[in-house]
Amino acid sequence: MRIQYKIYFILLICLLIQHTKGVAQASTDLWVMDTEGKGGDLKLLTSTAKPLTNRPEYDNQPSFINDSELIFSAADDKGNNDLILYSFRTNKFTNLTQTPDRSEFSPSMTECGSYFSAIVVEPDGTQRLWLYPIAGEAPELLYEDIFPVGYYDWYDGKASLFVLGEPNSLVYVRGKGMVDTLDTDIGRTVKKRHNTSEISYLDRKKSIETDQGKAFGIASVNLKTGARKDYGFAIPGSQDFIWIDKHHLLMAKGNEVFTKHIQESDWHSLGKVESSTHQGITRLAYSPDLNKLILVLNRTQIQKNEP
């Protein structure tokens, strides 16, 4: 079965280009914070929070690829996005890609460890998943007929993909010509639950109204059994969550970070980042090996020492 979006193609590409330009123009930085403990005992050492990047362009979508290195998407002054590697061993940044004719977003390491992957906005505006061999060979297009792809995660060497459409859908590629639509009308977070066969996501069809706004459901599909589970609701107004272990989720609202056990309904504050220049945490990345949490924060003003 080949996924085609011919009916919506022109509309979707226009929306996609507008979305990508908006993201590229956003001014965001990565911050790093030390942590203590694991899982339900996780503590944030908020006094250690500091910028890892500090410039007016877009630095976003962080992902740890091992116990000492982080990759993320970064825009240049022309709005083109490349992938950057940061090493906590050397405290140095290195370009993994330098591609003036296309932009790379949402980097991740594949389960086999031989590739890092990224969503690529190609020269004609098509947005698909690509693989980049660690050995430095030419990148490879994956799933030629599945587009526009926004977000994804890996299970069993295959990708679960957020596909932009009317509505957005979550699909899983089981093999050549074998593409399962797992759900529709989903939010932008797609994350594998640690040590399980589950892919979790925001279910926009399930929501509740709270004093702080609408909160969407957090759901999962077991890719082995097809079983579905619900893990309560996200924080109202927030779209991004991560798993810090099999049983605990992490989200943020404003400059505050929250955690929740999957059997609990309430989110509990772990602390707040104090800053006069950055407000609004979106994406998160956590390394239990390094005891560090990476936060993406929106810049509210330009630093005086910047040109």
Protein backbone atom coordinates (compact mmCIF):
# COMPACT_ATOMS: atom_id res chain seq x y z
CA MET A 1 0.00 0.00 0.00
CA ARG A 2 1.47 3.35 -1.07
CA ILE A 3 0.56 6.47 0.86
CA GLN A 4 -0.34 9.31 -1.49
CA TYR A 5 -1.59 12.79 -0.71
CA LYS A 6 -2.27 13.99 -4.26
CA ILE A 7 -5.58 15.65 -3.41
CA TYR A 8 -4.06 17.78 -0.69
CA PHE A 9 -0.56 18.00 -2.10
CA ILE A 10 -0.49 21.65 -3.16
CA LEU A 11 -2.27 22.83 -0.02
CA LEU A 12 -0.10 20.75 2.27
CA ILE A 13 3.15 21.87 0.70
CA CYS A 14 2.10 25.49 1.06
CA LEU A 15 1.23 24.92 4.70
CA LEU A 16 4.47 23.03 5.21
CA ILE A 17 6.61 25.78 3.73
CA GLN A 18 4.86 28.37 5.86
CA HIS A 19 5.35 26.19 8.95
CA THR A 20 9.02 25.60 8.20
CA LYS A 21 9.71 29.27 7.61
CA GLY A 22 7.99 30.13 10.86
CA VAL A 23 10.09 27.60 12.75
CA ALA A 24 13.31 28.75 11.12
CA GLN A 25 12.61 32.37 12.05
CA ALA A 26 11.88 31.53 15.69
CA SER A 27 14.52 32.62 18.17
CA THR A 28 15.23 29.74 20.55
CA ASP A 29 18.20 28.58 22.59
CA LEU A 30 19.22 25.34 24.26
CA TRP A 31 19.75 25.48 28.01
CA VAL A 32 21.38 22.79 30.13
CA MET A 33 20.60 21.90 33.72
CA ASP A 34 22.10 19.36 36.12
CA THR A 35 19.88 16.72 37.72
CA GLU A 36 20.06 14.27 40.61
CA GLY A 37 18.30 10.95 41.08
CA LYS A 38 16.38 8.92 38.53
CA GLY A 39 12.77 8.28 37.62
CA GLY A 40 10.38 9.21 40.42
CA ASP A 41 13.30 10.50 42.48
CA LEU A 42 14.50 12.90 39.78
CA LYS A 43 15.46 16.34 41.07
CA LEU A 44 16.36 19.41 39.04
CA LEU A 45 19.24 21.55 40.22
CA THR A 46 17.66 24.72 38.88
CA SER A 47 20.52 26.93 40.09
CA THR A 48 22.76 25.23 37.51
CA ALA A 49 20.54 26.13 34.54
CA LYS A 50 22.44 28.08 31.87
CA PRO A 51 22.43 28.63 28.10
CA LEU A 52 24.19 26.03 25.99
CA THR A 53 23.59 28.12 22.87
CA ASN A 54 23.17 31.88 22.88
CA ARG A 55 22.37 33.51 19.56
CA PRO A 56 19.32 35.07 17.87
CA GLU A 57 18.78 32.21 15.40
CA TYR A 58 16.86 28.93 15.85
CA ASP A 59 18.58 26.25 17.98
CA ASN A 60 16.06 23.52 18.72
CA GLN A 61 14.99 19.85 18.68
CA PRO A 62 17.77 18.40 20.87
CA SER A 63 18.38 14.65 21.11
CA PHE A 64 21.05 12.72 23.01
CA ILE A 65 22.73 10.13 20.80
CA ASN A 66 25.02 8.56 23.44
CA ASP A 67 26.30 9.19 26.95
CA SER A 68 28.19 12.35 26.06
CA GLU A 69 26.90 13.84 22.80
CA LEU A 70 23.85 15.81 21.75
CA ILE A 71 22.55 16.66 18.29
CA PHE A 72 20.14 19.45 17.38
CA SER A 73 18.82 21.53 14.49
CA ALA A 74 20.27 25.02 14.07
CA ALA A 75 19.48 27.79 11.60
CA ASP A 76 22.07 30.04 10.00
CA ASP A 77 21.52 33.75 9.41
CA LYS A 78 19.72 32.94 6.14
CA GLY A 79 17.22 30.63 7.82
CA ASN A 80 18.69 27.37 6.52
CA ASN A 81 18.86 24.58 9.10
CA ASP A 82 21.76 22.16 9.58
CA LEU A 83 22.43 19.48 12.17
CA ILE A 84 24.93 20.26 14.93
CA LEU A 85 26.74 17.90 17.29
CA TYR A 86 27.69 19.07 20.78
CA SER A 87 30.14 17.06 22.89
CA PHE A 88 30.01 17.34 26.68
CA ARG A 89 33.50 15.80 26.76
CA THR A 90 35.13 18.52 24.68
CA ASN A 91 32.53 21.30 25.04
CA LYS A 92 32.73 21.79 21.26
CA PHE A 93 30.12 22.19 18.50
CA THR A 94 30.57 20.41 15.14
CA ASN A 95 28.51 20.63 11.96
CA LEU A 96 27.15 17.22 10.96
CA THR A 97 25.55 18.69 7.84
CA GLN A 98 26.15 21.78 5.74
CA THR A 99 23.44 21.75 3.08
CA PRO A 100 22.51 25.17 1.65
CA ASP A 101 19.83 23.68 -0.63
CA ARG A 102 17.83 21.95 2.13
CA SER A 103 17.11 22.06 5.86
CA GLU A 104 17.32 19.28 8.44
CA PHE A 105 15.10 19.00 11.51
CA SER A 106 14.28 16.55 14.34
CA PRO A 107 17.57 14.64 14.46
CA SER A 108 17.77 11.28 16.22
CA MET A 109 19.96 8.20 16.42
CA THR A 110 18.64 4.98 14.91
CA GLU A 111 18.40 1.92 17.13
CA CYS A 112 21.23 0.14 15.31
CA GLY A 113 23.57 3.07 15.96
CA SER A 114 24.86 3.13 12.38
CA TYR A 115 22.86 6.18 11.29
CA PHE A 116 21.43 9.39 12.59
CA SER A 117 18.14 10.39 11.06
CA ALA A 118 16.43 13.69 10.30
CA ILE A 119 13.37 15.20 8.69
CA VAL A 120 14.64 16.97 5.58
CA VAL A 121 12.91 19.83 3.80
CA GLU A 122 14.12 19.10 0.28
CA PRO A 123 14.77 21.75 -2.41
CA ASP A 124 11.23 21.42 -3.81
CA GLY A 125 9.67 21.69 -0.33
CA THR A 126 8.94 17.99 0.13
CA GLN A 127 9.49 16.89 3.73
CA ARG A 128 10.64 13.29 4.27
CA LEU A 129 12.74 11.13 6.56
CA TRP A 130 16.40 10.65 5.64
CA LEU A 131 19.23 8.55 7.08
CA TYR A 132 22.82 9.78 7.47
CA PRO A 133 25.48 7.07 7.87
CA ILE A 134 27.77 7.66 10.85
CA ALA A 135 30.65 6.66 8.58
CA GLY A 136 30.10 9.87 6.61
CA GLU A 137 28.70 8.35 3.43
CA ALA A 138 25.96 9.98 1.37
CA PRO A 139 22.55 10.25 3.08
CA GLU A 140 19.74 7.90 2.07
CA LEU A 141 16.06 8.72 1.57
CA LEU A 142 13.75 6.49 3.58
CA TYR A 143 10.07 5.86 2.73
CA GLU A 144 9.96 7.70 -0.57
CA ASP A 145 6.16 7.79 -0.74
CA ILE A 146 5.45 8.99 2.81
CA PHE A 147 5.31 12.78 3.06
CA PRO A 148 5.01 15.41 4.45
CA VAL A 149 6.58 13.98 7.63
CA GLY A 150 6.84 16.19 10.70
CA TYR A 151 8.00 14.03 13.63
CA TYR A 152 8.88 10.41 14.32
CA ASP A 153 10.49 7.82 16.57
CA TRP A 154 12.01 4.37 16.12
CA TYR A 155 10.94 0.88 17.08
CA ASP A 156 12.36 -2.42 15.80
CA GLY A 157 14.42 -0.64 13.17
CA LYS A 158 11.37 1.04 11.62
CA ALA A 159 9.83 4.47 12.05
CA SER A 160 6.54 5.66 13.47
CA LEU A 161 5.75 8.88 11.63
CA PHE A 162 3.60 11.96 12.18
CA VAL A 163 2.27 12.71 8.69
CA LEU A 164 0.82 16.13 8.01
CA GLY A 165 -2.69 15.94 6.57
CA GLU A 166 -6.36 16.64 7.12
CA PRO A 167 -6.21 15.42 9.83
CA ASN A 168 -2.62 14.62 10.84
CA SER A 169 -1.99 10.89 11.14
CA LEU A 170 0.36 8.50 12.91
CA VAL A 171 1.67 5.68 10.72
CA TYR A 172 4.07 2.79 11.28
CA VAL A 173 6.07 1.21 8.47
CA ARG A 174 6.20 -2.55 9.10
CA GLY A 175 7.92 -3.33 5.81
CA LYS A 176 7.87 -2.61 2.10
CA GLY A 177 4.30 -1.91 1.12
CA MET A 178 3.13 -2.49 4.71
CA VAL A 179 2.13 0.81 6.30
CA ASP A 180 -0.30 0.85 9.23
CA THR A 181 -2.26 3.95 10.16
CA LEU A 182 -2.22 3.82 13.97
CA ASP A 183 -4.33 6.90 14.69
CA THR A 184 -5.44 10.26 13.34
CA ASP A 185 -5.69 13.82 14.64
CA ILE A 186 -2.54 13.57 16.71
CA GLY A 187 -0.27 16.23 18.20
CA ARG A 188 3.35 16.82 17.34
CA THR A 189 4.96 14.56 19.97
CA VAL A 190 5.77 10.97 18.93
CA LYS A 191 7.88 9.09 21.49
CA LYS A 192 8.69 5.44 22.15
CA ARG A 193 7.99 4.45 25.74
CA HIS A 194 11.19 3.12 27.33
CA ASN A 195 11.64 -0.67 27.46
CA THR A 196 8.31 -1.37 25.77
CA SER A 197 6.89 -1.90 22.29
CA GLU A 198 4.72 1.21 22.66
CA ILE A 199 4.71 4.38 20.61
CA SER A 200 3.12 7.26 22.53
CA TYR A 201 1.65 10.49 21.22
CA LEU A 202 -0.79 13.33 21.90
CA ASP A 203 -4.36 12.31 21.09
CA ARG A 204 -6.18 15.47 20.05
CA LYS A 205 -9.49 13.62 19.80
CA LYS A 206 -9.45 13.20 23.56
CA SER A 207 -9.30 16.40 25.60
CA ILE A 208 -10.55 18.09 28.73
CA GLU A 209 -11.15 21.74 29.52
CA THR A 210 -9.35 23.07 32.59
CA ASP A 211 -8.92 26.45 34.24
CA GLN A 212 -5.61 26.71 32.37
CA GLY A 213 -7.04 25.71 28.98
CA LYS A 214 -7.51 22.56 26.95
CA ALA A 215 -5.43 19.49 27.76
CA PHE A 216 -5.00 16.69 25.22
CA GLY A 217 -4.76 13.02 26.03
CA ILE A 218 -1.50 11.06 26.08
CA ALA A 219 -2.02 7.73 24.34
CA SER A 220 0.04 4.80 23.11
CA VAL A 221 -0.18 1.90 20.70
CA ASN A 222 1.69 -1.37 21.30
CA LEU A 223 3.32 -2.11 17.95
CA LYS A 224 3.52 -5.84 18.72
CA THR A 225 0.02 -6.48 20.03
CA GLY A 226 -1.99 -3.49 18.80
CA ALA A 227 -3.17 -2.79 22.36
CA ARG A 228 -3.95 0.82 23.17
CA LYS A 229 -3.41 2.64 26.46
CA ASP A 230 -4.15 6.06 27.87
CA TYR A 231 -1.77 7.83 30.23
CA GLY A 232 -3.92 10.73 31.37
CA PHE A 233 -3.68 14.22 29.96
CA ALA A 234 -0.89 16.54 28.97
CA ILE A 235 -0.36 19.88 30.68
CA PRO A 236 -2.83 22.40 29.25
CA GLY A 237 -1.25 24.49 26.52
CA SER A 238 1.82 22.23 26.18
CA GLN A 239 2.57 19.86 23.31
CA ASP A 240 5.95 18.32 24.08
CA PHE A 241 6.63 15.43 26.45
CA ILE A 242 9.42 12.92 26.94
CA TRP A 243 9.83 9.70 28.89
CA ILE A 244 12.55 9.74 31.54
CA ASP A 245 12.03 6.04 32.22
CA LYS A 246 9.31 3.44 31.66
CA HIS A 247 6.92 4.96 34.19
CA HIS A 248 7.55 8.71 34.30
CA LEU A 249 6.80 11.52 31.87
CA LEU A 250 8.29 15.01 31.72
CA MET A 251 6.66 18.18 30.37
CA ALA A 252 7.02 21.94 30.80
CA LYS A 253 4.79 24.99 30.91
CA GLY A 254 6.23 28.47 30.93
CA ASN A 255 9.62 28.11 32.59
CA GLU A 256 8.50 25.32 34.92
CA VAL A 257 9.22 21.60 34.50
CA PHE A 258 6.74 18.93 35.64
CA THR A 259 6.71 15.16 36.00
CA LYS A 260 3.96 12.54 36.25
CA HIS A 261 3.81 8.81 36.98
CA ILE A 262 1.68 7.00 34.40
CA GLN A 263 -0.72 5.85 37.12
CA GLU A 264 -1.24 9.39 38.43
CA SER A 265 -3.49 12.06 37.01
CA ASP A 266 -1.67 15.09 38.41
CA TRP A 267 1.57 16.66 37.26
CA HIS A 268 4.11 17.64 39.92
CA SER A 269 6.50 20.57 39.65
CA LEU A 270 10.23 19.80 39.67
CA GLY A 271 11.33 23.42 39.57
CA LYS A 272 11.50 26.57 37.50
CA VAL A 273 14.17 28.20 35.36
CA GLU A 274 14.71 31.83 36.28
CA SER A 275 15.63 34.05 33.34
CA SER A 276 15.03 37.64 32.25
CA THR A 277 15.91 36.85 28.63
CA HIS A 278 14.26 33.45 27.96
CA GLN A 279 10.66 32.45 28.60
CA GLY A 280 8.63 29.40 27.58
CA ILE A 281 10.15 25.91 27.59
CA THR A 282 9.05 23.72 24.69
CA ARG A 283 11.15 20.66 23.82
CA LEU A 284 13.19 18.64 26.29
CA ALA A 285 15.96 16.04 26.16
CA TYR A 286 17.24 14.05 29.12
CA SER A 287 20.37 11.99 29.71
CA PRO A 288 20.34 9.76 32.82
CA ASP A 289 23.98 8.92 32.11
CA LEU A 290 25.10 12.55 32.24
CA ASN A 291 22.47 13.63 34.77
CA LYS A 292 21.58 16.53 32.53
CA LEU A 293 18.35 17.97 31.18
CA ILE A 294 18.32 20.01 27.97
CA LEU A 295 15.60 22.65 27.64
CA VAL A 296 14.54 24.65 24.59
CA LEU A 297 13.60 28.19 25.63
CA ASN A 298 12.20 31.06 23.58
CA ARG A 299 14.24 34.24 23.54
CA THR A 300 12.32 37.28 24.74
CA GLN A 301 15.04 39.84 24.06
CA ILE A 302 18.34 40.07 22.18
CA GLN A 303 21.48 40.06 24.29
CA LYS A 304 23.40 43.35 24.33
CA ASN A 305 26.62 41.69 23.19
CA GLU A 306 25.00 40.34 20.03
CA PRO A 307 25.35 42.21 16.73
